[in-house]
Amino acid sequence: MGVEVVKDGIDLGIVTTNGPAMLAFYRDVLGLRHEGDVNMEAAGIKVMHRLWFGSSLIKLVVPVHDPKAEAAPGGIPGATGYRYWTMTIKNLDEVMKDIEAAGHKIIRSRTEIRPGIVIGMVADPDGNWVEFIEAA
């Protein structure tokens, strides 16, 4: 038996020691809706910034104590494991221009990877890769 879906979306936790810059990127540059912040110090979380992309919740988690290790850099070819995540949008060119204007790294500019499928890939302030797929 597989999972029985209750919520049509996922919750993604991104652990960071760079809360203000990450919040500014996801809220101000990408325009994700900021639901608010939660303090859960009893669980080791100094603050969790909660942002929405459609029905998916993006949680920017700032721990009470700095993590013992950092994720390996380099996106897809850098290591195994979770290396990037994808947002399907309809305004790729506008979003990529906003990201570049805000001084963030473009990993892959607008690219047609197969007929009818156009992507762009960027790095957030912590170097995590975010992919955008354009759909009408």
Protein backbone atom coordinates (compact mmCIF):
# COMPACT_ATOMS: atom_id res chain seq x y z
CA MET A 1 0.00 0.00 0.00
CA GLY A 2 1.32 3.43 -0.92
CA VAL A 3 0.82 6.74 0.79
CA GLU A 4 -2.66 8.22 1.05
CA VAL A 5 -2.34 11.88 0.14
CA VAL A 6 -4.03 14.37 2.45
CA LYS A 7 -2.38 17.60 1.25
CA ASP A 8 -1.79 18.30 -2.44
CA GLY A 9 1.69 19.68 -1.96
CA ILE A 10 4.89 19.02 -0.04
CA ASP A 11 6.65 20.67 2.87
CA LEU A 12 10.32 21.37 2.16
CA GLY A 13 12.69 22.21 5.01
CA ILE A 14 15.83 24.17 4.13
CA VAL A 15 18.23 24.45 7.08
CA THR A 16 20.25 27.66 7.07
CA THR A 17 22.42 29.83 9.27
CA ASN A 18 21.69 32.71 6.89
CA GLY A 19 18.04 33.38 7.75
CA PRO A 20 17.67 37.04 6.71
CA ALA A 21 19.27 36.57 3.27
CA MET A 22 17.35 33.35 2.60
CA LEU A 23 14.06 34.96 3.66
CA ALA A 24 14.75 37.97 1.43
CA PHE A 25 15.49 35.69 -1.55
CA TYR A 26 12.43 33.47 -1.25
CA ARG A 27 10.00 36.15 -0.06
CA ASP A 28 11.18 39.33 -1.76
CA VAL A 29 12.90 38.13 -4.95
CA LEU A 30 10.81 35.04 -5.76
CA GLY A 31 7.64 36.42 -4.20
CA LEU A 32 6.64 33.42 -2.11
CA ARG A 33 3.86 34.25 0.34
CA HIS A 34 5.30 34.62 3.86
CA GLU A 35 2.84 33.06 6.32
CA GLY A 36 4.91 34.04 9.32
CA ASP A 37 7.67 32.88 11.64
CA VAL A 38 7.59 30.23 14.34
CA ASN A 39 9.98 29.87 17.30
CA MET A 40 10.53 26.26 18.35
CA GLU A 41 13.64 26.46 20.52
CA ALA A 42 12.53 23.40 22.50
CA ALA A 43 12.97 21.46 19.23
CA GLY A 44 16.32 23.12 18.45
CA ILE A 45 14.85 25.64 15.98
CA LYS A 46 15.59 29.30 16.64
CA VAL A 47 13.12 30.41 13.95
CA MET A 48 11.23 28.81 11.09
CA HIS A 49 10.23 31.19 8.29
CA ARG A 50 7.13 29.67 6.64
CA LEU A 51 6.55 30.50 2.96
CA TRP A 52 4.05 29.15 0.46
CA PHE A 53 4.50 28.15 -3.19
CA GLY A 54 1.03 27.08 -4.26
CA SER A 55 0.05 24.30 -1.86
CA SER A 56 3.66 23.53 -0.91
CA LEU A 57 5.17 24.92 2.27
CA ILE A 58 8.81 26.02 2.17
CA LYS A 59 10.29 26.11 5.67
CA LEU A 60 13.50 28.10 6.14
CA VAL A 61 14.82 26.63 9.36
CA VAL A 62 17.44 28.48 11.45
CA PRO A 63 18.69 26.10 14.15
CA VAL A 64 19.55 27.21 17.68
CA HIS A 65 23.10 25.86 17.21
CA ASP A 66 25.05 25.90 13.95
CA PRO A 67 24.98 22.50 12.22
CA LYS A 68 28.14 20.38 12.42
CA ALA A 69 28.47 20.17 8.62
CA GLU A 70 27.45 21.98 5.46
CA ALA A 71 25.95 20.40 2.36
CA ALA A 72 28.41 19.59 -0.40
CA PRO A 73 28.40 22.42 -2.96
CA GLY A 74 27.93 21.98 -6.68
CA GLY A 75 24.28 21.17 -7.18
CA ILE A 76 23.48 18.15 -9.34
CA PRO A 77 27.06 17.03 -10.06
CA GLY A 78 28.34 17.93 -6.57
CA ALA A 79 27.16 14.93 -4.54
CA THR A 80 24.37 12.43 -4.11
CA GLY A 81 21.15 13.09 -2.21
CA TYR A 82 18.75 16.00 -2.42
CA ARG A 83 20.51 18.44 -4.71
CA TYR A 84 17.83 20.73 -6.13
CA TRP A 85 14.10 21.33 -6.19
CA THR A 86 11.76 22.56 -8.90
CA MET A 87 9.03 25.18 -9.21
CA THR A 88 6.76 25.12 -12.27
CA ILE A 89 5.98 28.71 -13.27
CA LYS A 90 4.71 30.67 -16.28
CA ASN A 91 7.03 33.72 -16.22
CA LEU A 92 10.56 32.29 -16.40
CA ASP A 93 12.19 35.24 -18.18
CA GLU A 94 10.84 37.76 -15.65
CA VAL A 95 11.88 35.65 -12.66
CA MET A 96 15.38 35.05 -14.03
CA LYS A 97 15.83 38.80 -14.64
CA ASP A 98 14.69 39.58 -11.09
CA ILE A 99 17.10 37.00 -9.65
CA GLU A 100 20.00 38.34 -11.69
CA ALA A 101 19.14 41.96 -10.81
CA ALA A 102 19.15 41.02 -7.12
CA GLY A 103 22.71 39.70 -7.56
CA HIS A 104 22.03 35.98 -7.20
CA LYS A 105 23.88 33.33 -9.18
CA ILE A 106 22.35 31.97 -12.37
CA ILE A 107 23.39 28.32 -12.78
CA ARG A 108 21.64 27.77 -16.10
CA SER A 109 19.96 30.54 -18.05
CA ARG A 110 16.80 29.85 -20.06
CA THR A 111 17.40 26.50 -21.79
CA GLU A 112 15.13 24.27 -23.83
CA ILE A 113 16.11 20.83 -22.51
CA ARG A 114 13.72 18.97 -24.84
CA PRO A 115 10.97 20.12 -27.18
CA GLY A 116 8.51 22.28 -25.25
CA ILE A 117 10.36 22.03 -21.91
CA VAL A 118 12.21 25.20 -20.89
CA ILE A 119 14.13 25.53 -17.64
CA GLY A 120 16.29 27.96 -15.72
CA MET A 121 18.35 27.13 -12.64
CA VAL A 122 19.67 29.44 -9.93
CA ALA A 123 21.43 29.30 -6.57
CA ASP A 124 19.85 30.73 -3.44
CA PRO A 125 22.04 32.67 -0.95
CA ASP A 126 23.23 29.40 0.64
CA GLY A 127 24.14 27.87 -2.73
CA ASN A 128 21.14 25.51 -2.90
CA TRP A 129 20.00 24.99 -6.48
CA VAL A 130 16.45 25.93 -7.48
CA GLU A 131 15.10 24.93 -10.89
CA PHE A 132 12.25 26.65 -12.68
CA ILE A 133 10.25 24.93 -15.42
CA GLU A 134 8.14 27.17 -17.58
CA ALA A 135 4.62 26.01 -18.36
CA ALA A 136 1.75 27.95 -19.84
